Amino acid sequence: MGAMAWLIQQNADGTPGRQWDVELKPLLVGRGTQADAQIRDRYLSRRHFIVTPVEGKYFLRDLGTTNGTLVNGRPITKATLQPNDQIQAGESRFVFVTRLAAA
């Protein structure tokens, strides 16, 4: 059994918005054209944070941004993500979600 993982952007009312698969390759989040998850948010850096999968674990790293990144309300430079972690970058909110996949 393996894990499937997504980063889900939350709408202003808390409902799920866009989502990106983070199971197989790193996901760069920011407002710049190089971002895999390009977000329109004036407080987000062009390259704001990256989520990297490594052997079934998922790591989030802030990329030296001016406004920082919060995980569950705490400022971080890097963090190991757990299911349902809440991420805030600029005015944007995300949730990290995993699910076990059948073998």
N, C-alpha and C. Protein backbone atom coordinates (compact mmCIF):
# COMPACT_ATOMS: atom_id res chain seq x y z
N MET A 1 0.84 -1.19 0.00
CA MET A 1 0.00 0.00 0.00
C MET A 1 0.87 1.24 0.00
N GLY A 2 0.53 2.18 -0.82
CA GLY A 2 1.25 3.44 -0.87
C GLY A 2 0.34 4.57 -0.45
N ALA A 3 0.89 5.75 -0.31
CA ALA A 3 0.08 6.91 0.05
C ALA A 3 -0.09 7.80 -1.17
N MET A 4 -1.24 8.42 -1.25
CA MET A 4 -1.49 9.44 -2.26
C MET A 4 -1.57 10.76 -1.50
N ALA A 5 -1.03 11.83 -2.08
CA ALA A 5 -0.98 13.09 -1.36
C ALA A 5 -1.30 14.26 -2.28
N TRP A 6 -2.00 15.24 -1.71
CA TRP A 6 -2.38 16.43 -2.46
C TRP A 6 -2.20 17.68 -1.60
N LEU A 7 -1.95 18.79 -2.26
CA LEU A 7 -2.02 20.11 -1.65
C LEU A 7 -3.28 20.73 -2.22
N ILE A 8 -4.20 21.12 -1.34
CA ILE A 8 -5.48 21.68 -1.78
C ILE A 8 -5.57 23.12 -1.33
N GLN A 9 -5.81 24.01 -2.29
CA GLN A 9 -6.01 25.43 -1.96
C GLN A 9 -7.42 25.60 -1.42
N GLN A 10 -7.56 26.35 -0.34
CA GLN A 10 -8.87 26.58 0.24
C GLN A 10 -9.41 27.92 -0.23
N ASN A 11 -10.69 27.92 -0.61
CA ASN A 11 -11.37 29.16 -0.98
C ASN A 11 -11.60 29.99 0.28
N ALA A 12 -11.97 31.26 0.09
CA ALA A 12 -12.18 32.17 1.21
C ALA A 12 -13.22 31.63 2.20
N ASP A 13 -14.20 30.87 1.71
CA ASP A 13 -15.24 30.32 2.60
C ASP A 13 -14.84 28.99 3.22
N GLY A 14 -13.59 28.54 2.98
CA GLY A 14 -13.09 27.30 3.57
C GLY A 14 -13.33 26.06 2.74
N THR A 15 -14.06 26.19 1.63
CA THR A 15 -14.31 25.04 0.78
C THR A 15 -13.08 24.73 -0.07
N PRO A 16 -12.92 23.48 -0.50
CA PRO A 16 -11.76 23.12 -1.32
C PRO A 16 -11.79 23.83 -2.68
N GLY A 17 -10.61 24.26 -3.11
CA GLY A 17 -10.45 24.87 -4.43
C GLY A 17 -9.57 23.99 -5.29
N ARG A 18 -8.59 24.60 -5.93
CA ARG A 18 -7.68 23.84 -6.79
C ARG A 18 -6.85 22.87 -5.96
N GLN A 19 -6.43 21.78 -6.62
CA GLN A 19 -5.58 20.81 -5.92
C GLN A 19 -4.47 20.33 -6.84
N TRP A 20 -3.35 19.96 -6.21
CA TRP A 20 -2.17 19.50 -6.92
C TRP A 20 -1.67 18.22 -6.28
N ASP A 21 -1.29 17.28 -7.10
CA ASP A 21 -0.73 16.00 -6.65
C ASP A 21 0.72 16.24 -6.23
N VAL A 22 1.10 15.77 -5.05
CA VAL A 22 2.48 15.91 -4.58
C VAL A 22 3.11 14.56 -4.29
N GLU A 23 2.51 13.51 -4.81
CA GLU A 23 2.97 12.16 -4.50
C GLU A 23 4.31 11.81 -5.14
N LEU A 24 4.52 12.21 -6.40
CA LEU A 24 5.68 11.72 -7.16
C LEU A 24 6.79 12.71 -7.40
N LYS A 25 6.48 14.00 -7.37
CA LYS A 25 7.52 14.99 -7.68
C LYS A 25 7.30 16.25 -6.87
N PRO A 26 8.35 17.05 -6.69
CA PRO A 26 8.21 18.30 -5.92
C PRO A 26 7.20 19.24 -6.57
N LEU A 27 6.55 20.02 -5.72
CA LEU A 27 5.57 21.01 -6.16
C LEU A 27 6.02 22.38 -5.68
N LEU A 28 6.32 23.27 -6.62
CA LEU A 28 6.72 24.64 -6.31
C LEU A 28 5.47 25.51 -6.33
N VAL A 29 5.25 26.25 -5.24
CA VAL A 29 4.08 27.11 -5.10
C VAL A 29 4.55 28.56 -5.06
N GLY A 30 3.91 29.41 -5.84
CA GLY A 30 4.23 30.83 -5.87
C GLY A 30 3.38 31.56 -6.89
N ARG A 31 3.66 32.84 -7.08
CA ARG A 31 2.89 33.60 -8.06
C ARG A 31 3.62 33.76 -9.39
N GLY A 32 4.87 33.30 -9.46
CA GLY A 32 5.66 33.43 -10.68
C GLY A 32 5.35 32.37 -11.72
N THR A 33 5.82 32.61 -12.93
CA THR A 33 5.53 31.69 -14.03
C THR A 33 6.26 30.36 -13.89
N GLN A 34 7.32 30.29 -13.07
CA GLN A 34 8.03 29.03 -12.86
C GLN A 34 7.32 28.11 -11.89
N ALA A 35 6.32 28.62 -11.16
CA ALA A 35 5.63 27.82 -10.14
C ALA A 35 4.77 26.75 -10.79
N ASP A 36 4.79 25.55 -10.19
CA ASP A 36 3.89 24.48 -10.62
C ASP A 36 2.46 24.82 -10.23
N ALA A 37 2.31 25.38 -9.04
CA ALA A 37 1.02 25.85 -8.55
C ALA A 37 1.09 27.37 -8.54
N GLN A 38 0.66 27.98 -9.63
CA GLN A 38 0.75 29.44 -9.78
C GLN A 38 -0.49 30.07 -9.16
N ILE A 39 -0.28 30.89 -8.11
CA ILE A 39 -1.36 31.47 -7.32
C ILE A 39 -1.35 32.99 -7.48
N ARG A 40 -2.52 33.54 -7.73
CA ARG A 40 -2.65 35.00 -7.81
C ARG A 40 -2.86 35.54 -6.40
N ASP A 41 -1.78 36.03 -5.80
CA ASP A 41 -1.79 36.53 -4.43
C ASP A 41 -0.62 37.51 -4.33
N ARG A 42 -0.93 38.78 -4.16
CA ARG A 42 0.13 39.81 -4.16
C ARG A 42 1.10 39.66 -3.00
N TYR A 43 0.74 38.92 -1.96
CA TYR A 43 1.63 38.72 -0.81
C TYR A 43 2.45 37.44 -0.91
N LEU A 44 2.27 36.70 -1.99
CA LEU A 44 3.02 35.48 -2.23
C LEU A 44 4.26 35.83 -3.05
N SER A 45 5.38 35.23 -2.72
CA SER A 45 6.59 35.43 -3.53
C SER A 45 6.46 34.67 -4.84
N ARG A 46 7.28 35.02 -5.80
CA ARG A 46 7.25 34.30 -7.08
C ARG A 46 7.54 32.82 -6.88
N ARG A 47 8.47 32.52 -6.01
CA ARG A 47 8.81 31.14 -5.60
C ARG A 47 8.68 31.13 -4.08
N HIS A 48 7.52 30.73 -3.57
CA HIS A 48 7.24 30.91 -2.14
C HIS A 48 7.63 29.69 -1.31
N PHE A 49 7.09 28.51 -1.64
CA PHE A 49 7.48 27.31 -0.91
C PHE A 49 7.43 26.11 -1.85
N ILE A 50 8.09 25.04 -1.41
CA ILE A 50 8.11 23.81 -2.19
C ILE A 50 7.75 22.64 -1.27
N VAL A 51 6.94 21.73 -1.80
CA VAL A 51 6.61 20.49 -1.11
C VAL A 51 7.32 19.37 -1.86
N THR A 52 8.13 18.60 -1.13
CA THR A 52 8.95 17.55 -1.75
C THR A 52 8.63 16.20 -1.12
N PRO A 53 8.27 15.20 -1.95
CA PRO A 53 8.07 13.85 -1.42
C PRO A 53 9.39 13.10 -1.36
N VAL A 54 9.64 12.42 -0.25
CA VAL A 54 10.84 11.60 -0.09
C VAL A 54 10.46 10.34 0.67
N GLU A 55 10.47 9.21 -0.03
CA GLU A 55 10.22 7.90 0.58
C GLU A 55 8.98 7.87 1.47
N GLY A 56 7.87 8.36 0.94
CA GLY A 56 6.60 8.30 1.67
C GLY A 56 6.38 9.41 2.67
N LYS A 57 7.35 10.32 2.83
CA LYS A 57 7.18 11.48 3.69
C LYS A 57 7.17 12.72 2.80
N TYR A 58 6.63 13.82 3.35
CA TYR A 58 6.47 15.05 2.57
C TYR A 58 7.04 16.21 3.37
N PHE A 59 7.91 16.97 2.73
CA PHE A 59 8.60 18.06 3.39
C PHE A 59 8.23 19.38 2.71
N LEU A 60 7.95 20.39 3.52
CA LEU A 60 7.67 21.73 3.02
C LEU A 60 8.84 22.62 3.42
N ARG A 61 9.31 23.42 2.47
CA ARG A 61 10.42 24.36 2.74
C ARG A 61 10.04 25.72 2.20
N ASP A 62 10.11 26.73 3.06
CA ASP A 62 9.95 28.12 2.63
C ASP A 62 11.20 28.51 1.86
N LEU A 63 11.03 29.23 0.77
CA LEU A 63 12.16 29.55 -0.10
C LEU A 63 12.72 30.95 0.16
N GLY A 64 12.85 31.29 1.45
CA GLY A 64 13.45 32.57 1.83
C GLY A 64 12.55 33.76 1.54
N THR A 65 11.26 33.59 1.75
CA THR A 65 10.29 34.62 1.38
C THR A 65 10.25 35.76 2.39
N THR A 66 9.76 36.90 1.93
CA THR A 66 9.61 38.07 2.78
C THR A 66 8.51 37.86 3.81
N ASN A 67 7.37 37.33 3.39
CA ASN A 67 6.20 37.20 4.27
C ASN A 67 6.13 35.86 4.99
N GLY A 68 7.00 34.92 4.65
CA GLY A 68 7.06 33.65 5.36
C GLY A 68 5.94 32.69 5.03
N THR A 69 6.04 31.51 5.63
CA THR A 69 5.06 30.44 5.48
C THR A 69 4.71 29.92 6.86
N LEU A 70 3.42 29.69 7.09
CA LEU A 70 2.96 29.15 8.36
C LEU A 70 2.41 27.74 8.15
N VAL A 71 2.73 26.84 9.06
CA VAL A 71 2.13 25.51 9.09
C VAL A 71 1.44 25.39 10.43
N ASN A 72 0.13 25.20 10.39
CA ASN A 72 -0.70 25.13 11.60
C ASN A 72 -0.49 26.36 12.49
N GLY A 73 -0.36 27.53 11.84
CA GLY A 73 -0.24 28.79 12.56
C GLY A 73 1.14 29.15 13.04
N ARG A 74 2.13 28.26 12.78
CA ARG A 74 3.50 28.52 13.25
C ARG A 74 4.40 28.86 12.07
N PRO A 75 5.22 29.90 12.19
CA PRO A 75 6.17 30.21 11.12
C PRO A 75 7.22 29.10 10.99
N ILE A 76 7.52 28.72 9.77
CA ILE A 76 8.51 27.65 9.55
C ILE A 76 9.49 28.07 8.45
N THR A 77 10.66 27.46 8.47
CA THR A 77 11.56 27.50 7.32
C THR A 77 11.50 26.16 6.61
N LYS A 78 11.30 25.08 7.42
CA LYS A 78 11.05 23.76 6.85
C LYS A 78 10.23 22.95 7.85
N ALA A 79 9.45 22.00 7.31
CA ALA A 79 8.59 21.19 8.16
C ALA A 79 8.30 19.88 7.47
N THR A 80 8.09 18.83 8.27
CA THR A 80 7.60 17.56 7.77
C THR A 80 6.08 17.64 7.84
N LEU A 81 5.41 17.49 6.70
CA LEU A 81 3.96 17.62 6.67
C LEU A 81 3.27 16.37 7.18
N GLN A 82 2.19 16.59 7.89
CA GLN A 82 1.33 15.53 8.38
C GLN A 82 -0.05 15.71 7.74
N PRO A 83 -0.84 14.64 7.64
CA PRO A 83 -2.18 14.78 7.06
C PRO A 83 -2.99 15.88 7.75
N ASN A 84 -3.68 16.68 6.95
CA ASN A 84 -4.55 17.77 7.40
C ASN A 84 -3.81 18.98 7.95
N ASP A 85 -2.49 19.06 7.74
CA ASP A 85 -1.77 20.28 8.12
C ASP A 85 -2.32 21.46 7.32
N GLN A 86 -2.46 22.59 8.02
CA GLN A 86 -2.94 23.83 7.42
C GLN A 86 -1.73 24.71 7.10
N ILE A 87 -1.67 25.19 5.86
CA ILE A 87 -0.53 25.99 5.40
C ILE A 87 -1.06 27.35 4.97
N GLN A 88 -0.37 28.41 5.41
CA GLN A 88 -0.71 29.75 4.96
C GLN A 88 0.53 30.40 4.39
N ALA A 89 0.36 30.97 3.20
CA ALA A 89 1.42 31.70 2.53
C ALA A 89 0.78 32.92 1.89
N GLY A 90 1.23 34.11 2.24
CA GLY A 90 0.55 35.32 1.78
C GLY A 90 -0.87 35.30 2.32
N GLU A 91 -1.84 35.60 1.45
CA GLU A 91 -3.24 35.52 1.85
C GLU A 91 -3.86 34.18 1.48
N SER A 92 -3.06 33.27 0.97
CA SER A 92 -3.54 31.97 0.49
C SER A 92 -3.44 30.90 1.56
N ARG A 93 -4.46 30.05 1.60
CA ARG A 93 -4.50 28.95 2.56
C ARG A 93 -4.60 27.63 1.81
N PHE A 94 -3.92 26.63 2.37
CA PHE A 94 -3.87 25.30 1.77
C PHE A 94 -4.04 24.27 2.87
N VAL A 95 -4.43 23.06 2.46
CA VAL A 95 -4.44 21.92 3.38
C VAL A 95 -3.71 20.79 2.69
N PHE A 96 -2.90 20.06 3.46
CA PHE A 96 -2.18 18.91 2.95
C PHE A 96 -3.00 17.66 3.28
N VAL A 97 -3.32 16.86 2.26
CA VAL A 97 -4.21 15.72 2.44
C VAL A 97 -3.55 14.46 1.90
N THR A 98 -3.69 13.35 2.64
CA THR A 98 -3.18 12.07 2.16
C THR A 98 -4.27 11.02 2.27
N ARG A 99 -4.08 9.96 1.51
CA ARG A 99 -5.00 8.82 1.56
C ARG A 99 -4.20 7.59 1.20
N LEU A 100 -4.45 6.49 1.87
CA LEU A 100 -3.79 5.24 1.53
C LEU A 100 -4.38 4.69 0.24
N ALA A 101 -3.49 4.19 -0.61
CA ALA A 101 -3.92 3.61 -1.88
C ALA A 101 -3.84 2.09 -1.77
N ALA A 102 -4.76 1.40 -2.37
CA ALA A 102 -4.74 -0.06 -2.36
C ALA A 102 -3.56 -0.56 -3.18
N ALA A 103 -3.00 -1.68 -2.78
CA ALA A 103 -1.83 -2.24 -3.47
C ALA A 103 -2.25 -2.85 -4.80
